[in-house]
PDB file of all heavy atoms in Angstrom:
ATOM      1  N   SER A   1      13.107  -4.726  -2.430  1.00  0.00           N
ATOM      2  CA  SER A   1      13.001  -6.202  -2.649  1.00  0.00           C
ATOM      3  C   SER A   1      11.669  -6.668  -2.218  1.00  0.00           C
ATOM      4  O   SER A   1      11.354  -7.925  -2.547  1.00  0.00           O
ATOM      5  CB  SER A   1      14.081  -6.907  -1.853  1.00  0.00           C
ATOM      6  OG  SER A   1      14.030  -6.627  -0.514  1.00  0.00           O
ATOM      7  N   PHE A   2      10.813  -5.936  -1.573  1.00  0.00           N
ATOM      8  CA  PHE A   2       9.453  -6.395  -1.089  1.00  0.00           C
ATOM      9  C   PHE A   2       8.696  -6.884  -2.356  1.00  0.00           C
ATOM     10  O   PHE A   2       8.569  -6.228  -3.399  1.00  0.00           O
ATOM     11  CB  PHE A   2       8.719  -5.318  -0.384  1.00  0.00           C
ATOM     12  CG  PHE A   2       7.398  -5.673   0.231  1.00  0.00           C
ATOM     13  CD1 PHE A   2       7.344  -6.784   0.930  1.00  0.00           C
ATOM     14  CD2 PHE A   2       6.306  -4.840  -0.111  1.00  0.00           C
ATOM     15  CE1 PHE A   2       6.006  -7.135   1.534  1.00  0.00           C
ATOM     16  CE2 PHE A   2       5.078  -5.215   0.417  1.00  0.00           C
ATOM     17  CZ  PHE A   2       4.972  -6.310   1.268  1.00  0.00           C
ATOM     18  N   SER A   3       8.048  -8.091  -2.205  1.00  0.00           N
ATOM     19  CA  SER A   3       7.452  -8.756  -3.413  1.00  0.00           C
ATOM     20  C   SER A   3       6.088  -8.194  -3.786  1.00  0.00           C
ATOM     21  O   SER A   3       5.620  -8.510  -4.887  1.00  0.00           O
ATOM     22  CB  SER A   3       7.348 -10.209  -3.067  1.00  0.00           C
ATOM     23  OG  SER A   3       8.540 -10.888  -2.915  1.00  0.00           O
ATOM     24  N   TYR A   4       5.419  -7.403  -2.909  1.00  0.00           N
ATOM     25  CA  TYR A   4       4.038  -7.102  -3.111  1.00  0.00           C
ATOM     26  C   TYR A   4       3.872  -5.587  -3.221  1.00  0.00           C
ATOM     27  O   TYR A   4       4.676  -4.830  -2.747  1.00  0.00           O
ATOM     28  CB  TYR A   4       3.153  -7.710  -2.028  1.00  0.00           C
ATOM     29  CG  TYR A   4       3.326  -9.169  -1.953  1.00  0.00           C
ATOM     30  CD1 TYR A   4       4.290  -9.828  -1.140  1.00  0.00           C
ATOM     31  CD2 TYR A   4       2.473 -10.083  -2.761  1.00  0.00           C
ATOM     32  CE1 TYR A   4       4.393 -11.133  -1.087  1.00  0.00           C
ATOM     33  CE2 TYR A   4       2.651 -11.400  -2.681  1.00  0.00           C
ATOM     34  CZ  TYR A   4       3.588 -11.951  -1.893  1.00  0.00           C
ATOM     35  OH  TYR A   4       3.733 -13.367  -1.813  1.00  0.00           O
ATOM     36  N   GLY A   5       2.663  -5.171  -3.686  1.00  0.00           N
ATOM     37  CA  GLY A   5       2.352  -3.762  -3.614  1.00  0.00           C
ATOM     38  C   GLY A   5       2.144  -3.313  -2.223  1.00  0.00           C
ATOM     39  O   GLY A   5       2.500  -2.335  -1.815  1.00  0.00           O
ATOM     40  N   GLY A   6       1.482  -4.170  -1.479  1.00  0.00           N
ATOM     41  CA  GLY A   6       1.205  -3.883  -0.032  1.00  0.00           C
ATOM     42  C   GLY A   6       0.904  -5.155   0.663  1.00  0.00           C
ATOM     43  O   GLY A   6       0.543  -6.188   0.097  1.00  0.00           O
ATOM     44  N   MET A   7       0.981  -5.118   2.011  1.00  0.00           N
ATOM     45  CA  MET A   7       0.523  -6.234   2.856  1.00  0.00           C
ATOM     46  C   MET A   7      -0.140  -5.692   4.086  1.00  0.00           C
ATOM     47  O   MET A   7       0.425  -4.842   4.729  1.00  0.00           O
ATOM     48  CB  MET A   7       1.731  -7.058   3.278  1.00  0.00           C
ATOM     49  CG  MET A   7       1.384  -8.243   4.150  1.00  0.00           C
ATOM     50  SD  MET A   7       0.188  -9.379   3.338  1.00  0.00           S
ATOM     51  CE  MET A   7      -0.634 -10.134   4.755  1.00  0.00           C
ATOM     52  N   GLU A   8      -1.334  -6.144   4.318  1.00  0.00           N
ATOM     53  CA  GLU A   8      -2.302  -5.505   5.232  1.00  0.00           C
ATOM     54  C   GLU A   8      -2.021  -5.870   6.715  1.00  0.00           C
ATOM     55  O   GLU A   8      -3.005  -6.120   7.466  1.00  0.00           O
ATOM     56  CB  GLU A   8      -3.703  -5.887   4.831  1.00  0.00           C
ATOM     57  CG  GLU A   8      -4.020  -7.382   4.886  1.00  0.00           C
ATOM     58  CD  GLU A   8      -3.721  -8.245   3.664  1.00  0.00           C
ATOM     59  OE1 GLU A   8      -2.936  -7.682   2.746  1.00  0.00           O
ATOM     60  OE2 GLU A   8      -4.183  -9.325   3.505  1.00  0.00           O
ATOM     61  N   ASN A   9      -0.845  -6.022   7.142  1.00  0.00           N
ATOM     62  CA  ASN A   9      -0.617  -6.308   8.549  1.00  0.00           C
ATOM     63  C   ASN A   9      -1.300  -5.337   9.424  1.00  0.00           C
ATOM     64  O   ASN A   9      -1.254  -4.197   9.325  1.00  0.00           O
ATOM     65  CB  ASN A   9       0.932  -6.264   8.874  1.00  0.00           C
ATOM     66  CG  ASN A   9       1.770  -7.099   7.876  1.00  0.00           C
ATOM     67  OD1 ASN A   9       1.468  -8.343   7.666  1.00  0.00           O
ATOM     68  ND2 ASN A   9       2.743  -6.533   7.274  1.00  0.00           N
ATOM     69  N   PRO A  10      -2.063  -5.881  10.447  1.00  0.00           N
ATOM     70  CA  PRO A  10      -2.855  -4.956  11.270  1.00  0.00           C
ATOM     71  C   PRO A  10      -1.973  -3.946  12.042  1.00  0.00           C
ATOM     72  O   PRO A  10      -0.824  -4.226  12.449  1.00  0.00           O
ATOM     73  CB  PRO A  10      -3.520  -5.879  12.311  1.00  0.00           C
ATOM     74  CG  PRO A  10      -3.483  -7.284  11.705  1.00  0.00           C
ATOM     75  CD  PRO A  10      -2.295  -7.279  10.809  1.00  0.00           C
ATOM     76  N   CYS A  11      -2.433  -2.719  11.996  1.00  0.00           N
ATOM     77  CA  CYS A  11      -1.730  -1.589  12.697  1.00  0.00           C
ATOM     78  C   CYS A  11      -0.455  -1.114  11.893  1.00  0.00           C
ATOM     79  O   CYS A  11       0.108  -0.061  12.202  1.00  0.00           O
ATOM     80  CB  CYS A  11      -1.303  -1.919  14.074  1.00  0.00           C
ATOM     81  SG  CYS A  11      -2.668  -2.507  15.056  1.00  0.00           S
ATOM     82  N   LEU A  12       0.015  -1.944  10.871  1.00  0.00           N
ATOM     83  CA  LEU A  12       1.259  -1.579  10.182  1.00  0.00           C
ATOM     84  C   LEU A  12       1.233  -2.141   8.794  1.00  0.00           C
ATOM     85  O   LEU A  12       1.784  -3.264   8.509  1.00  0.00           O
ATOM     86  CB  LEU A  12       2.439  -2.055  10.982  1.00  0.00           C
ATOM     87  CG  LEU A  12       3.827  -1.686  10.378  1.00  0.00           C
ATOM     88  CD1 LEU A  12       3.978  -0.182  10.602  1.00  0.00           C
ATOM     89  CD2 LEU A  12       4.946  -2.424  11.064  1.00  0.00           C
ATOM     90  N   THR A  13       0.612  -1.419   7.861  1.00  0.00           N
ATOM     91  CA  THR A  13       0.591  -1.888   6.464  1.00  0.00           C
ATOM     92  C   THR A  13       1.932  -1.753   5.848  1.00  0.00           C
ATOM     93  O   THR A  13       2.614  -0.642   5.930  1.00  0.00           O
ATOM     94  CB  THR A  13      -0.444  -1.055   5.681  1.00  0.00           C
ATOM     95  OG1 THR A  13      -1.720  -1.516   6.003  1.00  0.00           O
ATOM     96  CG2 THR A  13      -0.261  -1.193   4.160  1.00  0.00           C
ATOM     97  N   PHE A  14       2.453  -2.820   5.273  1.00  0.00           N
ATOM     98  CA  PHE A  14       3.712  -2.760   4.470  1.00  0.00           C
ATOM     99  C   PHE A  14       3.412  -2.327   3.013  1.00  0.00           C
ATOM    100  O   PHE A  14       2.428  -2.813   2.469  1.00  0.00           O
ATOM    101  CB  PHE A  14       4.321  -4.148   4.438  1.00  0.00           C
ATOM    102  CG  PHE A  14       5.034  -4.598   5.714  1.00  0.00           C
ATOM    103  CD1 PHE A  14       4.915  -3.960   6.842  1.00  0.00           C
ATOM    104  CD2 PHE A  14       5.677  -5.872   5.666  1.00  0.00           C
ATOM    105  CE1 PHE A  14       5.542  -4.407   8.039  1.00  0.00           C
ATOM    106  CE2 PHE A  14       6.255  -6.336   6.829  1.00  0.00           C
ATOM    107  CZ  PHE A  14       6.254  -5.609   8.000  1.00  0.00           C
ATOM    108  N   VAL A  15       4.231  -1.454   2.509  1.00  0.00           N
ATOM    109  CA  VAL A  15       4.017  -1.046   1.082  1.00  0.00           C
ATOM    110  C   VAL A  15       5.382  -0.974   0.335  1.00  0.00           C
ATOM    111  O   VAL A  15       6.450  -0.820   1.034  1.00  0.00           O
ATOM    112  CB  VAL A  15       3.337   0.371   0.906  1.00  0.00           C
ATOM    113  CG1 VAL A  15       1.887   0.291   1.426  1.00  0.00           C
ATOM    114  CG2 VAL A  15       4.098   1.434   1.721  1.00  0.00           C
ATOM    115  N   THR A  16       5.306  -1.115  -0.922  1.00  0.00           N
ATOM    116  CA  THR A  16       6.484  -1.058  -1.760  1.00  0.00           C
ATOM    117  C   THR A  16       6.859   0.392  -2.069  1.00  0.00           C
ATOM    118  O   THR A  16       5.978   1.221  -2.297  1.00  0.00           O
ATOM    119  CB  THR A  16       6.225  -1.814  -3.131  1.00  0.00           C
ATOM    120  OG1 THR A  16       7.314  -1.520  -4.006  1.00  0.00           O
ATOM    121  CG2 THR A  16       4.932  -1.380  -3.720  1.00  0.00           C
ATOM    122  N   PRO A  17       8.159   0.716  -2.203  1.00  0.00           N
ATOM    123  CA  PRO A  17       8.498   2.011  -2.655  1.00  0.00           C
ATOM    124  C   PRO A  17       8.176   2.381  -4.063  1.00  0.00           C
ATOM    125  O   PRO A  17       8.253   3.521  -4.507  1.00  0.00           O
ATOM    126  CB  PRO A  17      10.097   2.029  -2.436  1.00  0.00           C
ATOM    127  CG  PRO A  17      10.402   0.589  -2.466  1.00  0.00           C
ATOM    128  CD  PRO A  17       9.339  -0.142  -1.871  1.00  0.00           C
ATOM    129  N   THR A  18       7.743   1.383  -4.809  1.00  0.00           N
ATOM    130  CA  THR A  18       7.330   1.612  -6.196  1.00  0.00           C
ATOM    131  C   THR A  18       6.096   2.485  -6.259  1.00  0.00           C
ATOM    132  O   THR A  18       5.726   2.949  -7.322  1.00  0.00           O
ATOM    133  CB  THR A  18       7.166   0.328  -7.070  1.00  0.00           C
ATOM    134  OG1 THR A  18       6.098  -0.376  -6.461  1.00  0.00           O
ATOM    135  CG2 THR A  18       8.394  -0.509  -7.046  1.00  0.00           C
ATOM    136  N   LEU A  19       5.421   2.695  -5.090  1.00  0.00           N
ATOM    137  CA  LEU A  19       4.213   3.562  -5.082  1.00  0.00           C
ATOM    138  C   LEU A  19       4.503   4.997  -5.041  1.00  0.00           C
ATOM    139  O   LEU A  19       3.617   5.868  -5.305  1.00  0.00           O
ATOM    140  CB  LEU A  19       3.359   3.209  -3.826  1.00  0.00           C
ATOM    141  CG  LEU A  19       2.842   1.759  -3.702  1.00  0.00           C
ATOM    142  CD1 LEU A  19       2.051   1.643  -2.404  1.00  0.00           C
ATOM    143  CD2 LEU A  19       2.011   1.320  -4.906  1.00  0.00           C
ATOM    144  N   LEU A  20       5.772   5.295  -4.768  1.00  0.00           N
ATOM    145  CA  LEU A  20       6.169   6.694  -4.492  1.00  0.00           C
ATOM    146  C   LEU A  20       6.418   7.413  -5.914  1.00  0.00           C
ATOM    147  O   LEU A  20       7.504   7.288  -6.503  1.00  0.00           O
ATOM    148  CB  LEU A  20       7.389   6.853  -3.643  1.00  0.00           C
ATOM    149  CG  LEU A  20       7.212   6.180  -2.313  1.00  0.00           C
ATOM    150  CD1 LEU A  20       8.543   6.297  -1.503  1.00  0.00           C
ATOM    151  CD2 LEU A  20       6.059   6.746  -1.579  1.00  0.00           C
ATOM    152  N   THR A  21       5.385   8.141  -6.413  1.00  0.00           N
ATOM    153  CA  THR A  21       5.469   8.689  -7.757  1.00  0.00           C
ATOM    154  C   THR A  21       5.478  10.280  -7.618  1.00  0.00           C
ATOM    155  O   THR A  21       5.834  10.893  -8.587  1.00  0.00           O
ATOM    156  CB  THR A  21       4.225   8.348  -8.553  1.00  0.00           C
ATOM    157  OG1 THR A  21       3.046   8.834  -7.914  1.00  0.00           O
ATOM    158  CG2 THR A  21       4.146   6.849  -8.820  1.00  0.00           C
ATOM    159  N   GLY A  22       5.175  10.791  -6.524  1.00  0.00           N
ATOM    160  CA  GLY A  22       5.091  12.236  -6.327  1.00  0.00           C
ATOM    161  C   GLY A  22       3.796  12.839  -6.634  1.00  0.00           C
ATOM    162  O   GLY A  22       3.499  13.970  -6.313  1.00  0.00           O
ATOM    163  N   ASP A  23       2.872  12.077  -7.320  1.00  0.00           N
ATOM    164  CA  ASP A  23       1.536  12.607  -7.633  1.00  0.00           C
ATOM    165  C   ASP A  23       0.434  11.813  -7.046  1.00  0.00           C
ATOM    166  O   ASP A  23      -0.770  12.087  -7.392  1.00  0.00           O
ATOM    167  CB  ASP A  23       1.334  12.707  -9.176  1.00  0.00           C
ATOM    168  CG  ASP A  23       1.424  11.315  -9.825  1.00  0.00           C
ATOM    169  OD1 ASP A  23       1.598  10.253  -9.091  1.00  0.00           O
ATOM    170  OD2 ASP A  23       1.304  11.258 -11.050  1.00  0.00           O
ATOM    171  N   LYS A  24       0.720  10.889  -6.171  1.00  0.00           N
ATOM    172  CA  LYS A  24      -0.279  10.050  -5.421  1.00  0.00           C
ATOM    173  C   LYS A  24      -0.977   9.074  -6.375  1.00  0.00           C
ATOM    174  O   LYS A  24      -1.954   8.424  -5.921  1.00  0.00           O
ATOM    175  CB  LYS A  24      -1.221  10.856  -4.615  1.00  0.00           C
ATOM    176  CG  LYS A  24      -0.534  11.800  -3.703  1.00  0.00           C
ATOM    177  CD  LYS A  24      -1.572  12.689  -2.899  1.00  0.00           C
ATOM    178  CE  LYS A  24      -0.877  13.729  -2.068  1.00  0.00           C
ATOM    179  NZ  LYS A  24      -1.790  14.589  -1.327  1.00  0.00           N
ATOM    180  N   SER A  25      -0.575   9.013  -7.635  1.00  0.00           N
ATOM    181  CA  SER A  25      -1.382   8.221  -8.578  1.00  0.00           C
ATOM    182  C   SER A  25      -1.372   6.702  -8.289  1.00  0.00           C
ATOM    183  O   SER A  25      -2.359   6.011  -8.664  1.00  0.00           O
ATOM    184  CB  SER A  25      -0.850   8.453 -10.040  1.00  0.00           C
ATOM    185  OG  SER A  25       0.502   8.053 -10.130  1.00  0.00           O
ATOM    186  N   LEU A  26      -0.363   6.207  -7.620  1.00  0.00           N
ATOM    187  CA  LEU A  26      -0.353   4.768  -7.288  1.00  0.00           C
ATOM    188  C   LEU A  26      -0.669   4.615  -5.795  1.00  0.00           C
ATOM    189  O   LEU A  26      -1.214   3.553  -5.377  1.00  0.00           O
ATOM    190  CB  LEU A  26       1.021   4.217  -7.571  1.00  0.00           C
ATOM    191  CG  LEU A  26       1.421   4.104  -9.119  1.00  0.00           C
ATOM    192  CD1 LEU A  26       2.759   3.457  -9.241  1.00  0.00           C
ATOM    193  CD2 LEU A  26       0.356   3.382  -9.884  1.00  0.00           C
ATOM    194  N   ALA A  27      -0.359   5.553  -4.955  1.00  0.00           N
ATOM    195  CA  ALA A  27      -0.578   5.466  -3.569  1.00  0.00           C
ATOM    196  C   ALA A  27      -2.015   5.310  -3.166  1.00  0.00           C
ATOM    197  O   ALA A  27      -2.437   4.466  -2.368  1.00  0.00           O
ATOM    198  CB  ALA A  27       0.075   6.658  -2.771  1.00  0.00           C
ATOM    199  N   LEU A  28      -2.893   6.103  -3.815  1.00  0.00           N
ATOM    200  CA  LEU A  28      -4.293   6.087  -3.396  1.00  0.00           C
ATOM    201  C   LEU A  28      -4.925   4.684  -3.632  1.00  0.00           C
ATOM    202  O   LEU A  28      -5.628   4.188  -2.729  1.00  0.00           O
ATOM    203  CB  LEU A  28      -5.096   7.037  -4.298  1.00  0.00           C
ATOM    204  CG  LEU A  28      -5.055   8.548  -3.799  1.00  0.00           C
ATOM    205  CD1 LEU A  28      -5.722   9.473  -4.818  1.00  0.00           C
ATOM    206  CD2 LEU A  28      -5.627   8.712  -2.498  1.00  0.00           C
ATOM    207  N   ASP A  29      -4.611   4.063  -4.737  1.00  0.00           N
ATOM    208  CA  ASP A  29      -5.217   2.718  -5.102  1.00  0.00           C
ATOM    209  C   ASP A  29      -4.786   1.738  -4.062  1.00  0.00           C
ATOM    210  O   ASP A  29      -5.628   0.995  -3.495  1.00  0.00           O
ATOM    211  CB  ASP A  29      -4.798   2.165  -6.450  1.00  0.00           C
ATOM    212  CG  ASP A  29      -5.088   3.166  -7.566  1.00  0.00           C
ATOM    213  OD1 ASP A  29      -5.142   4.395  -7.380  1.00  0.00           O
ATOM    214  OD2 ASP A  29      -5.301   2.742  -8.710  1.00  0.00           O
ATOM    215  N   THR A  30      -3.491   1.610  -3.835  1.00  0.00           N
ATOM    216  CA  THR A  30      -2.931   0.588  -2.962  1.00  0.00           C
ATOM    217  C   THR A  30      -3.359   0.801  -1.525  1.00  0.00           C
ATOM    218  O   THR A  30      -3.787  -0.188  -0.844  1.00  0.00           O
ATOM    219  CB  THR A  30      -1.462   0.502  -3.108  1.00  0.00           C
ATOM    220  OG1 THR A  30      -1.065   0.222  -4.411  1.00  0.00           O
ATOM    221  CG2 THR A  30      -0.861  -0.558  -2.161  1.00  0.00           C
ATOM    222  N   ILE A  31      -3.307   2.062  -1.002  1.00  0.00           N
ATOM    223  CA  ILE A  31      -3.615   2.304   0.384  1.00  0.00           C
ATOM    224  C   ILE A  31      -5.160   2.041   0.596  1.00  0.00           C
ATOM    225  O   ILE A  31      -5.554   1.525   1.633  1.00  0.00           O
ATOM    226  CB  ILE A  31      -3.209   3.705   0.805  1.00  0.00           C
ATOM    227  CG1 ILE A  31      -1.696   3.901   0.602  1.00  0.00           C
ATOM    228  CG2 ILE A  31      -3.634   3.923   2.287  1.00  0.00           C
ATOM    229  CD1 ILE A  31      -0.929   2.707   1.241  1.00  0.00           C
ATOM    230  N   ALA A  32      -5.951   2.432  -0.374  1.00  0.00           N
ATOM    231  CA  ALA A  32      -7.396   2.094  -0.280  1.00  0.00           C
ATOM    232  C   ALA A  32      -7.573   0.653  -0.170  1.00  0.00           C
ATOM    233  O   ALA A  32      -8.316   0.149   0.689  1.00  0.00           O
ATOM    234  CB  ALA A  32      -8.155   2.602  -1.516  1.00  0.00           C
ATOM    235  N   HIS A  33      -6.843  -0.204  -0.989  1.00  0.00           N
ATOM    236  CA  HIS A  33      -6.996  -1.618  -0.883  1.00  0.00           C
ATOM    237  C   HIS A  33      -6.563  -2.115   0.486  1.00  0.00           C
ATOM    238  O   HIS A  33      -7.296  -2.924   1.087  1.00  0.00           O
ATOM    239  CB  HIS A  33      -6.108  -2.227  -1.967  1.00  0.00           C
ATOM    240  CG  HIS A  33      -6.188  -3.668  -2.186  1.00  0.00           C
ATOM    241  ND1 HIS A  33      -7.046  -4.322  -3.014  1.00  0.00           N
ATOM    242  CD2 HIS A  33      -5.571  -4.685  -1.497  1.00  0.00           C
ATOM    243  CE1 HIS A  33      -6.881  -5.572  -2.893  1.00  0.00           C
ATOM    244  NE2 HIS A  33      -6.015  -5.818  -1.982  1.00  0.00           N
ATOM    245  N   GLU A  34      -5.388  -1.739   0.961  1.00  0.00           N
ATOM    246  CA  GLU A  34      -4.892  -2.220   2.258  1.00  0.00           C
ATOM    247  C   GLU A  34      -5.737  -1.815   3.404  1.00  0.00           C
ATOM    248  O   GLU A  34      -5.941  -2.531   4.325  1.00  0.00           O
ATOM    249  CB  GLU A  34      -3.467  -1.788   2.421  1.00  0.00           C
ATOM    250  CG  GLU A  34      -2.464  -2.206   1.287  1.00  0.00           C
ATOM    251  CD  GLU A  34      -2.563  -3.675   0.964  1.00  0.00           C
ATOM    252  OE1 GLU A  34      -2.913  -4.515   1.820  1.00  0.00           O
ATOM    253  OE2 GLU A  34      -2.248  -4.002  -0.274  1.00  0.00           O
ATOM    254  N   ILE A  35      -6.286  -0.583   3.324  1.00  0.00           N
ATOM    255  CA  ILE A  35      -7.205  -0.120   4.357  1.00  0.00           C
ATOM    256  C   ILE A  35      -8.480  -0.994   4.468  1.00  0.00           C
ATOM    257  O   ILE A  35      -8.847  -1.386   5.558  1.00  0.00           O
ATOM    258  CB  ILE A  35      -7.610   1.339   4.193  1.00  0.00           C
ATOM    259  CG1 ILE A  35      -6.431   2.262   4.626  1.00  0.00           C
ATOM    260  CG2 ILE A  35      -8.843   1.739   4.911  1.00  0.00           C
ATOM    261  CD1 ILE A  35      -6.624   3.741   4.399  1.00  0.00           C
ATOM    262  N   ILE A  36      -9.015  -1.348   3.306  1.00  0.00           N
ATOM    263  CA  ILE A  36     -10.203  -2.173   3.248  1.00  0.00           C
ATOM    264  C   ILE A  36      -9.953  -3.536   3.956  1.00  0.00           C
ATOM    265  O   ILE A  36     -10.819  -4.165   4.568  1.00  0.00           O
ATOM    266  CB  ILE A  36     -10.666  -2.408   1.870  1.00  0.00           C
ATOM    267  CG1 ILE A  36     -11.214  -1.099   1.284  1.00  0.00           C
ATOM    268  CG2 ILE A  36     -11.705  -3.504   1.721  1.00  0.00           C
ATOM    269  CD1 ILE A  36     -12.468  -0.592   1.940  1.00  0.00           C
ATOM    270  N   HIS A  37      -8.662  -4.020   3.852  1.00  0.00           N
ATOM    271  CA  HIS A  37      -8.355  -5.305   4.512  1.00  0.00           C
ATOM    272  C   HIS A  37      -8.539  -5.276   6.008  1.00  0.00           C
ATOM    273  O   HIS A  37      -8.597  -6.257   6.648  1.00  0.00           O
ATOM    274  CB  HIS A  37      -6.862  -5.680   4.164  1.00  0.00           C
ATOM    275  CG  HIS A  37      -6.764  -6.482   2.890  1.00  0.00           C
ATOM    276  ND1 HIS A  37      -7.529  -7.701   2.720  1.00  0.00           N
ATOM    277  CD2 HIS A  37      -6.004  -6.375   1.829  1.00  0.00           C
ATOM    278  CE1 HIS A  37      -7.113  -8.200   1.498  1.00  0.00           C
ATOM    279  NE2 HIS A  37      -6.205  -7.385   1.009  1.00  0.00           N
ATOM    280  N   SER A  38      -8.605  -4.056   6.552  1.00  0.00           N
ATOM    281  CA  SER A  38      -8.837  -3.946   8.043  1.00  0.00           C
ATOM    282  C   SER A  38     -10.185  -4.539   8.461  1.00  0.00           C
ATOM    283  O   SER A  38     -10.301  -4.941   9.550  1.00  0.00           O
ATOM    284  CB  SER A  38      -8.742  -2.465   8.460  1.00  0.00           C
ATOM    285  OG  SER A  38      -7.502  -1.897   8.128  1.00  0.00           O
ATOM    286  N   TRP A  39     -11.032  -4.651   7.428  1.00  0.00           N
ATOM    287  CA  TRP A  39     -12.357  -5.303   7.685  1.00  0.00           C
ATOM    288  C   TRP A  39     -12.485  -6.623   6.887  1.00  0.00           C
ATOM    289  O   TRP A  39     -12.810  -7.618   7.490  1.00  0.00           O
ATOM    290  CB  TRP A  39     -13.505  -4.420   7.146  1.00  0.00           C
ATOM    291  CG  TRP A  39     -13.698  -3.123   7.931  1.00  0.00           C
ATOM    292  CD1 TRP A  39     -14.648  -2.998   8.967  1.00  0.00           C
ATOM    293  CD2 TRP A  39     -13.027  -1.903   7.823  1.00  0.00           C
ATOM    294  NE1 TRP A  39     -14.566  -1.721   9.443  1.00  0.00           N
ATOM    295  CE2 TRP A  39     -13.544  -1.014   8.765  1.00  0.00           C
ATOM    296  CE3 TRP A  39     -11.975  -1.421   6.984  1.00  0.00           C
ATOM    297  CZ2 TRP A  39     -13.170   0.328   8.968  1.00  0.00           C
ATOM    298  CZ3 TRP A  39     -11.592  -0.074   7.156  1.00  0.00           C
ATOM    299  CH2 TRP A  39     -12.114   0.736   8.072  1.00  0.00           C
TER     300      TRP A  39
END
């Protein structure tokens, strides 16, 4: 039910289970995005 791809909460990024594809094809993009939010 989480509304977003990810949310950059410090120390604990929230992510949607729709990223879990088994081939990392969606995980890399979103995690790169949320990591950048650390800055």
